[in-house]
Amino acid sequence: MADTLPPPPMFNFVSHPSAQPFTVPGKAYKPKNAEDSWKYKLFATGAIVFESSTPERVLLIQRAAHDSMPGKWETPGGGCDDSDPSILHGVARELWEEAGLIASKIGPPIGDGYFFFTRSQRLVCKFNFLVEAQRSEDGSLNVKLDPEEHQNYVWATEEEVKAKKVGDIELRFTVEDQEKIILEAFKVRSLASSEIGH
C-alpha cells in the first residue's frame, strides 16, 4: 500500500440484515446449496459506493498501468484475507486500501456473486455490496487511491456506465460481470430510495 494512507482504522460498520450470511470468515461461509461448497474456497469482494447527487453517481476506479488488466475500470474491492474477521470486514478493508474510504454501512448484497479464474487458474467467487462510507465535514467523499493499484477514479451516472464513457474518459470494465453488477446496483439503490420516500 502507498504511504499516502495512514494505518487502517478500526472498522466499525453496521450491516444490512440481508448481508448476515457474510458476517463470517470466508472459510466458514456456507452456500445455499451444499453441493456447491467446493466452489467457495476463495473469495473476493466489491464495494459499490454512491455519491449523494442527482442523478446518482457510482465510484469507479481505474487499474494501474503496471498491474494486471491495466487501465480497466472496476469498483473498489479485492480478495478476502485469512486475517479478515468476516467477508464484510474484507469489503471494508479493501475499500480503505483502494479508495481511502471508511465503510459505515455494508449491504445489501448485489446479485448472487460471480466466479472468475485468477491468473494461476484458481476459482474465486466475488460478492458485491452496496456500501455507505463516512463523509468529511462538508459531506463529501474524499477518495485517496493507492497508486500501486489504481491510477484514476470517476463518479459515473447509470447512463454513463451504459455508454461506457464519462466525459472524454472511456470505461472499459475488467469483466462483463463487473458492468452488470454496477447496473444492478443502480436498480437496487433506486428501489431502496423509493421505499424510503413512501
C-alpha atoms as a PDB file:
ATOM      1  CA  MET A   1       0.000   0.000   0.000  1.00  0.00           C
ATOM      2  CA  ALA A   2       1.227   3.526  -0.738  1.00  0.00           C
ATOM      3  CA  ASP A   3       2.413   5.861   2.031  1.00  0.00           C
ATOM      4  CA  THR A   4      -0.476   8.239   1.315  1.00  0.00           C
ATOM      5  CA  LEU A   5      -2.822   6.442   3.728  1.00  0.00           C
ATOM      6  CA  PRO A   6      -2.436   6.278   7.497  1.00  0.00           C
ATOM      7  CA  PRO A   7      -2.722   2.868   9.187  1.00  0.00           C
ATOM      8  CA  PRO A   8      -6.137   1.266   8.665  1.00  0.00           C
ATOM      9  CA  PRO A   9      -8.830   2.293  11.143  1.00  0.00           C
ATOM     10  CA  MET A  10     -10.787   0.003  13.425  1.00  0.00           C
ATOM     11  CA  PHE A  11     -13.746  -0.825  11.177  1.00  0.00           C
ATOM     12  CA  ASN A  12     -16.997  -0.079  12.975  1.00  0.00           C
ATOM     13  CA  PHE A  13     -19.650  -0.523  10.293  1.00  0.00           C
ATOM     14  CA  VAL A  14     -23.214  -1.784  10.533  1.00  0.00           C
ATOM     15  CA  SER A  15     -24.539  -4.344   8.090  1.00  0.00           C
ATOM     16  CA  HIS A  16     -27.842  -4.708   6.279  1.00  0.00           C
ATOM     17  CA  PRO A  17     -29.866  -7.729   7.506  1.00  0.00           C
ATOM     18  CA  SER A  18     -29.557  -9.359   4.067  1.00  0.00           C
ATOM     19  CA  ALA A  19     -25.750  -9.360   4.477  1.00  0.00           C
ATOM     20  CA  GLN A  20     -25.930 -11.639   7.546  1.00  0.00           C
ATOM     21  CA  PRO A  21     -24.532 -14.735   5.730  1.00  0.00           C
ATOM     22  CA  PHE A  22     -21.333 -12.721   5.116  1.00  0.00           C
ATOM     23  CA  THR A  23     -20.647 -11.913   8.782  1.00  0.00           C
ATOM     24  CA  VAL A  24     -18.397 -14.975   8.976  1.00  0.00           C
ATOM     25  CA  PRO A  25     -14.834 -15.553   7.722  1.00  0.00           C
ATOM     26  CA  GLY A  26     -14.557 -16.881   4.177  1.00  0.00           C
ATOM     27  CA  LYS A  27     -13.606 -20.328   5.442  1.00  0.00           C
ATOM     28  CA  ALA A  28     -16.881 -20.521   7.398  1.00  0.00           C
ATOM     29  CA  TYR A  29     -19.156 -19.317   4.584  1.00  0.00           C
ATOM     30  CA  LYS A  30     -21.851 -21.850   3.674  1.00  0.00           C
ATOM     31  CA  PRO A  31     -23.524 -21.606   0.247  1.00  0.00           C
ATOM     32  CA  LYS A  32     -27.267 -22.204  -0.049  1.00  0.00           C
ATOM     33  CA  ASN A  33     -26.611 -25.399  -1.991  1.00  0.00           C
ATOM     34  CA  ALA A  34     -24.190 -27.595  -0.019  1.00  0.00           C
ATOM     35  CA  GLU A  35     -23.237 -29.477  -3.217  1.00  0.00           C
ATOM     36  CA  ASP A  36     -21.632 -26.250  -4.469  1.00  0.00           C
ATOM     37  CA  SER A  37     -19.408 -25.839  -1.410  1.00  0.00           C
ATOM     38  CA  TRP A  38     -16.281 -26.863  -3.353  1.00  0.00           C
ATOM     39  CA  LYS A  39     -16.619 -23.675  -5.437  1.00  0.00           C
ATOM     40  CA  TYR A  40     -16.473 -21.392  -2.399  1.00  0.00           C
ATOM     41  CA  LYS A  41     -12.876 -21.648  -1.292  1.00  0.00           C
ATOM     42  CA  LEU A  42     -11.531 -18.258  -2.370  1.00  0.00           C
ATOM     43  CA  PHE A  43     -13.488 -15.025  -2.051  1.00  0.00           C
ATOM     44  CA  ALA A  44     -13.249 -11.540  -3.427  1.00  0.00           C
ATOM     45  CA  THR A  45     -15.457  -8.579  -2.611  1.00  0.00           C
ATOM     46  CA  GLY A  46     -16.609  -5.414  -4.320  1.00  0.00           C
ATOM     47  CA  ALA A  47     -17.720  -2.192  -2.605  1.00  0.00           C
ATOM     48  CA  ILE A  48     -20.261  -0.204  -4.608  1.00  0.00           C
ATOM     49  CA  VAL A  49     -20.284   3.355  -3.277  1.00  0.00           C
ATOM     50  CA  PHE A  50     -22.685   6.058  -4.447  1.00  0.00           C
ATOM     51  CA  GLU A  51     -22.200   9.792  -4.189  1.00  0.00           C
ATOM     52  CA  SER A  52     -25.261  11.694  -2.944  1.00  0.00           C
ATOM     53  CA  SER A  53     -26.168  13.531  -6.115  1.00  0.00           C
ATOM     54  CA  THR A  54     -28.876  13.898  -8.704  1.00  0.00           C
ATOM     55  CA  PRO A  55     -28.553  11.870 -10.802  1.00  0.00           C
ATOM     56  CA  GLU A  56     -26.922   9.196  -8.666  1.00  0.00           C
ATOM     57  CA  ARG A  57     -23.235   8.520  -9.356  1.00  0.00           C
ATOM     58  CA  VAL A  58     -21.167   5.452  -8.541  1.00  0.00           C
ATOM     59  CA  LEU A  59     -17.457   5.344  -7.732  1.00  0.00           C
ATOM     60  CA  LEU A  60     -15.307   3.628 -10.363  1.00  0.00           C
ATOM     61  CA  ILE A  61     -11.543   3.214 -10.138  1.00  0.00           C
ATOM     62  CA  GLN A  62      -9.057   2.541 -12.926  1.00  0.00           C
ATOM     63  CA  ARG A  63      -6.416  -0.153 -12.585  1.00  0.00           C
ATOM     64  CA  ALA A  64      -2.793   0.998 -12.698  1.00  0.00           C
ATOM     65  CA  ALA A  65      -0.899   0.736 -15.988  1.00  0.00           C
ATOM     66  CA  HIS A  66       1.651  -1.682 -14.460  1.00  0.00           C
ATOM     67  CA  ASP A  67      -0.974  -4.002 -12.893  1.00  0.00           C
ATOM     68  CA  SER A  68      -2.987  -6.866 -14.398  1.00  0.00           C
ATOM     69  CA  MET A  69      -5.818  -5.652 -16.669  1.00  0.00           C
ATOM     70  CA  PRO A  70      -4.093  -2.260 -16.996  1.00  0.00           C
ATOM     71  CA  GLY A  71      -6.319   0.779 -17.471  1.00  0.00           C
ATOM     72  CA  LYS A  72      -9.554  -1.129 -16.946  1.00  0.00           C
ATOM     73  CA  TRP A  73     -12.315   0.062 -14.615  1.00  0.00           C
ATOM     74  CA  GLU A  74     -13.930  -1.575 -11.585  1.00  0.00           C
ATOM     75  CA  THR A  75     -15.355  -0.835  -8.158  1.00  0.00           C
ATOM     76  CA  PRO A  76     -13.068  -0.936  -5.106  1.00  0.00           C
ATOM     77  CA  GLY A  77     -12.522  -4.487  -3.929  1.00  0.00           C
ATOM     78  CA  GLY A  78     -10.269  -7.480  -3.827  1.00  0.00           C
ATOM     79  CA  GLY A  79      -9.562 -10.788  -2.181  1.00  0.00           C
ATOM     80  CA  CYS A  80     -10.604 -11.677   1.355  1.00  0.00           C
ATOM     81  CA  ASP A  81      -7.632 -12.353   3.609  1.00  0.00           C
ATOM     82  CA  ASP A  82      -7.456 -15.123   6.199  1.00  0.00           C
ATOM     83  CA  SER A  83      -6.960 -12.341   8.770  1.00  0.00           C
ATOM     84  CA  ASP A  84     -10.308 -10.686   7.899  1.00  0.00           C
ATOM     85  CA  PRO A  85     -12.752 -11.426  10.770  1.00  0.00           C
ATOM     86  CA  SER A  86     -15.542 -11.746   8.187  1.00  0.00           C
ATOM     87  CA  ILE A  87     -16.237 -11.359   4.492  1.00  0.00           C
ATOM     88  CA  LEU A  88     -17.773  -7.962   5.320  1.00  0.00           C
ATOM     89  CA  HIS A  89     -14.536  -6.912   7.028  1.00  0.00           C
ATOM     90  CA  GLY A  90     -12.813  -7.834   3.763  1.00  0.00           C
ATOM     91  CA  VAL A  91     -15.139  -5.389   1.986  1.00  0.00           C
ATOM     92  CA  ALA A  92     -14.287  -2.624   4.475  1.00  0.00           C
ATOM     93  CA  ARG A  93     -10.545  -3.299   4.338  1.00  0.00           C
ATOM     94  CA  GLU A  94     -10.412  -3.316   0.540  1.00  0.00           C
ATOM     95  CA  LEU A  95     -12.450  -0.087   0.330  1.00  0.00           C
ATOM     96  CA  TRP A  96      -9.988   1.545   2.713  1.00  0.00           C
ATOM     97  CA  GLU A  97      -6.891   0.218   0.944  1.00  0.00           C
ATOM     98  CA  GLU A  98      -8.051   1.042  -2.580  1.00  0.00           C
ATOM     99  CA  ALA A  99     -10.054   4.258  -2.126  1.00  0.00           C
ATOM    100  CA  GLY A 100      -9.183   5.588   1.333  1.00  0.00           C
ATOM    101  CA  LEU A 101     -12.849   5.449   2.377  1.00  0.00           C
ATOM    102  CA  ILE A 102     -14.194   4.063   5.659  1.00  0.00           C
ATOM    103  CA  ALA A 103     -17.325   1.912   5.392  1.00  0.00           C
ATOM    104  CA  SER A 104     -20.160   2.910   7.733  1.00  0.00           C
ATOM    105  CA  LYS A 105     -22.821   0.513   6.381  1.00  0.00           C
ATOM    106  CA  ILE A 106     -22.398  -2.595   4.215  1.00  0.00           C
ATOM    107  CA  GLY A 107     -25.230  -4.240   2.315  1.00  0.00           C
ATOM    108  CA  PRO A 108     -27.452  -5.262   0.822  1.00  0.00           C
ATOM    109  CA  PRO A 109     -25.516  -7.667  -1.401  1.00  0.00           C
ATOM    110  CA  ILE A 110     -25.848  -7.041  -5.140  1.00  0.00           C
ATOM    111  CA  GLY A 111     -26.515 -10.194  -7.137  1.00  0.00           C
ATOM    112  CA  ASP A 112     -25.535 -13.689  -6.052  1.00  0.00           C
ATOM    113  CA  GLY A 113     -21.826 -13.387  -6.637  1.00  0.00           C
ATOM    114  CA  TYR A 114     -19.958 -14.370  -9.762  1.00  0.00           C
ATOM    115  CA  PHE A 115     -16.986 -16.615 -10.433  1.00  0.00           C
ATOM    116  CA  PHE A 116     -13.719 -15.924 -12.200  1.00  0.00           C
ATOM    117  CA  PHE A 117     -10.327 -17.570 -12.515  1.00  0.00           C
ATOM    118  CA  THR A 118      -7.123 -15.934 -11.315  1.00  0.00           C
ATOM    119  CA  ARG A 119      -4.017 -15.876 -13.492  1.00  0.00           C
ATOM    120  CA  SER A 120      -2.938 -19.046 -11.680  1.00  0.00           C
ATOM    121  CA  GLN A 121      -6.296 -20.651 -12.624  1.00  0.00           C
ATOM    122  CA  ARG A 122      -7.752 -20.609  -9.102  1.00  0.00           C
ATOM    123  CA  LEU A 123     -11.544 -20.263  -8.919  1.00  0.00           C
ATOM    124  CA  VAL A 124     -12.718 -17.192  -6.980  1.00  0.00           C
ATOM    125  CA  CYS A 125     -16.248 -16.130  -6.049  1.00  0.00           C
ATOM    126  CA  LYS A 126     -16.766 -12.369  -5.919  1.00  0.00           C
ATOM    127  CA  PHE A 127     -19.557 -10.917  -3.798  1.00  0.00           C
ATOM    128  CA  ASN A 128     -20.568  -7.280  -4.249  1.00  0.00           C
ATOM    129  CA  PHE A 129     -22.262  -4.986  -1.748  1.00  0.00           C
ATOM    130  CA  LEU A 130     -23.763  -1.525  -1.597  1.00  0.00           C
ATOM    131  CA  VAL A 131     -21.577   0.413   0.837  1.00  0.00           C
ATOM    132  CA  GLU A 132     -22.139   3.728   2.567  1.00  0.00           C
ATOM    133  CA  ALA A 133     -18.903   5.449   3.505  1.00  0.00           C
ATOM    134  CA  GLN A 134     -18.088   8.067   6.128  1.00  0.00           C
ATOM    135  CA  ARG A 135     -18.157  11.593   4.775  1.00  0.00           C
ATOM    136  CA  SER A 136     -15.987  14.579   5.576  1.00  0.00           C
ATOM    137  CA  GLU A 137     -17.388  17.587   7.451  1.00  0.00           C
ATOM    138  CA  ASP A 138     -18.550  19.178   4.187  1.00  0.00           C
ATOM    139  CA  GLY A 139     -20.440  15.980   3.268  1.00  0.00           C
ATOM    140  CA  SER A 140     -18.059  14.851   0.537  1.00  0.00           C
ATOM    141  CA  LEU A 141     -16.366  11.516  -0.046  1.00  0.00           C
ATOM    142  CA  ASN A 142     -12.627  12.125  -0.322  1.00  0.00           C
ATOM    143  CA  VAL A 143     -11.205   9.325  -2.453  1.00  0.00           C
ATOM    144  CA  LYS A 144      -7.497   8.564  -2.000  1.00  0.00           C
ATOM    145  CA  LEU A 145      -6.154   5.959  -4.402  1.00  0.00           C
ATOM    146  CA  ASP A 146      -3.236   3.631  -3.810  1.00  0.00           C
ATOM    147  CA  PRO A 147      -1.102   4.383  -6.926  1.00  0.00           C
ATOM    148  CA  GLU A 148       0.368   0.882  -6.775  1.00  0.00           C
ATOM    149  CA  GLU A 149      -3.082  -0.452  -7.692  1.00  0.00           C
ATOM    150  CA  HIS A 150      -5.143   2.326  -9.304  1.00  0.00           C
ATOM    151  CA  GLN A 151      -4.365   5.410 -11.341  1.00  0.00           C
ATOM    152  CA  ASN A 152      -7.659   7.311 -11.646  1.00  0.00           C
ATOM    153  CA  TYR A 153     -11.248   7.461 -10.441  1.00  0.00           C
ATOM    154  CA  VAL A 154     -14.546   8.867 -11.658  1.00  0.00           C
ATOM    155  CA  TRP A 155     -18.099   9.226 -10.385  1.00  0.00           C
ATOM    156  CA  ALA A 156     -20.361   7.822 -13.126  1.00  0.00           C
ATOM    157  CA  THR A 157     -24.105   8.015 -13.683  1.00  0.00           C
ATOM    158  CA  GLU A 158     -26.104   4.996 -14.816  1.00  0.00           C
ATOM    159  CA  GLU A 159     -26.272   6.418 -18.336  1.00  0.00           C
ATOM    160  CA  GLU A 160     -22.504   6.926 -18.395  1.00  0.00           C
ATOM    161  CA  VAL A 161     -21.936   3.329 -17.279  1.00  0.00           C
ATOM    162  CA  LYS A 162     -24.253   2.130 -20.058  1.00  0.00           C
ATOM    163  CA  ALA A 163     -22.478   4.359 -22.595  1.00  0.00           C
ATOM    164  CA  LYS A 164     -19.088   3.267 -21.194  1.00  0.00           C
ATOM    165  CA  LYS A 165     -17.960   6.881 -21.190  1.00  0.00           C
ATOM    166  CA  VAL A 166     -17.610   9.715 -18.640  1.00  0.00           C
ATOM    167  CA  GLY A 167     -16.765  12.937 -20.452  1.00  0.00           C
ATOM    168  CA  ASP A 168     -13.797  12.013 -22.638  1.00  0.00           C
ATOM    169  CA  ILE A 169     -12.874   9.009 -20.469  1.00  0.00           C
ATOM    170  CA  GLU A 170     -13.695   5.581 -21.921  1.00  0.00           C
ATOM    171  CA  LEU A 171     -14.866   2.962 -19.430  1.00  0.00           C
ATOM    172  CA  ARG A 172     -13.504  -0.471 -20.295  1.00  0.00           C
ATOM    173  CA  PHE A 173     -14.527  -2.747 -17.423  1.00  0.00           C
ATOM    174  CA  THR A 174     -12.384  -5.533 -16.019  1.00  0.00           C
ATOM    175  CA  VAL A 175     -15.044  -8.153 -16.797  1.00  0.00           C
ATOM    176  CA  GLU A 176     -18.573  -8.107 -18.203  1.00  0.00           C
ATOM    177  CA  ASP A 177     -19.958  -9.265 -14.833  1.00  0.00           C
ATOM    178  CA  GLN A 178     -18.484  -6.132 -13.199  1.00  0.00           C
ATOM    179  CA  GLU A 179     -20.520  -3.898 -15.500  1.00  0.00           C
ATOM    180  CA  LYS A 180     -23.692  -5.961 -14.916  1.00  0.00           C
ATOM    181  CA  ILE A 181     -23.282  -5.736 -11.130  1.00  0.00           C
ATOM    182  CA  ILE A 182     -22.823  -1.957 -11.283  1.00  0.00           C
ATOM    183  CA  LEU A 183     -26.016  -1.565 -13.328  1.00  0.00           C
ATOM    184  CA  GLU A 184     -27.866  -3.892 -10.936  1.00  0.00           C
ATOM    185  CA  ALA A 185     -26.649  -1.704  -8.047  1.00  0.00           C
ATOM    186  CA  PHE A 186     -28.312   1.340  -9.626  1.00  0.00           C
ATOM    187  CA  LYS A 187     -31.623  -0.587  -9.652  1.00  0.00           C
ATOM    188  CA  VAL A 188     -31.260  -1.723  -6.027  1.00  0.00           C
ATOM    189  CA  ARG A 189     -30.282   1.796  -4.946  1.00  0.00           C
ATOM    190  CA  SER A 190     -33.258   3.311  -6.799  1.00  0.00           C
ATOM    191  CA  LEU A 191     -35.665   0.785  -5.269  1.00  0.00           C
ATOM    192  CA  ALA A 192     -34.314   1.450  -1.758  1.00  0.00           C
ATOM    193  CA  SER A 193     -34.685   5.215  -2.274  1.00  0.00           C
ATOM    194  CA  SER A 194     -38.282   4.886  -3.483  1.00  0.00           C
ATOM    195  CA  GLU A 195     -39.182   2.701  -0.459  1.00  0.00           C
ATOM    196  CA  ILE A 196     -37.719   5.307   1.911  1.00  0.00           C
ATOM    197  CA  GLY A 197     -39.719   8.018   0.147  1.00  0.00           C
ATOM    198  CA  HIS A 198     -43.050   6.244   0.849  1.00  0.00           C
END
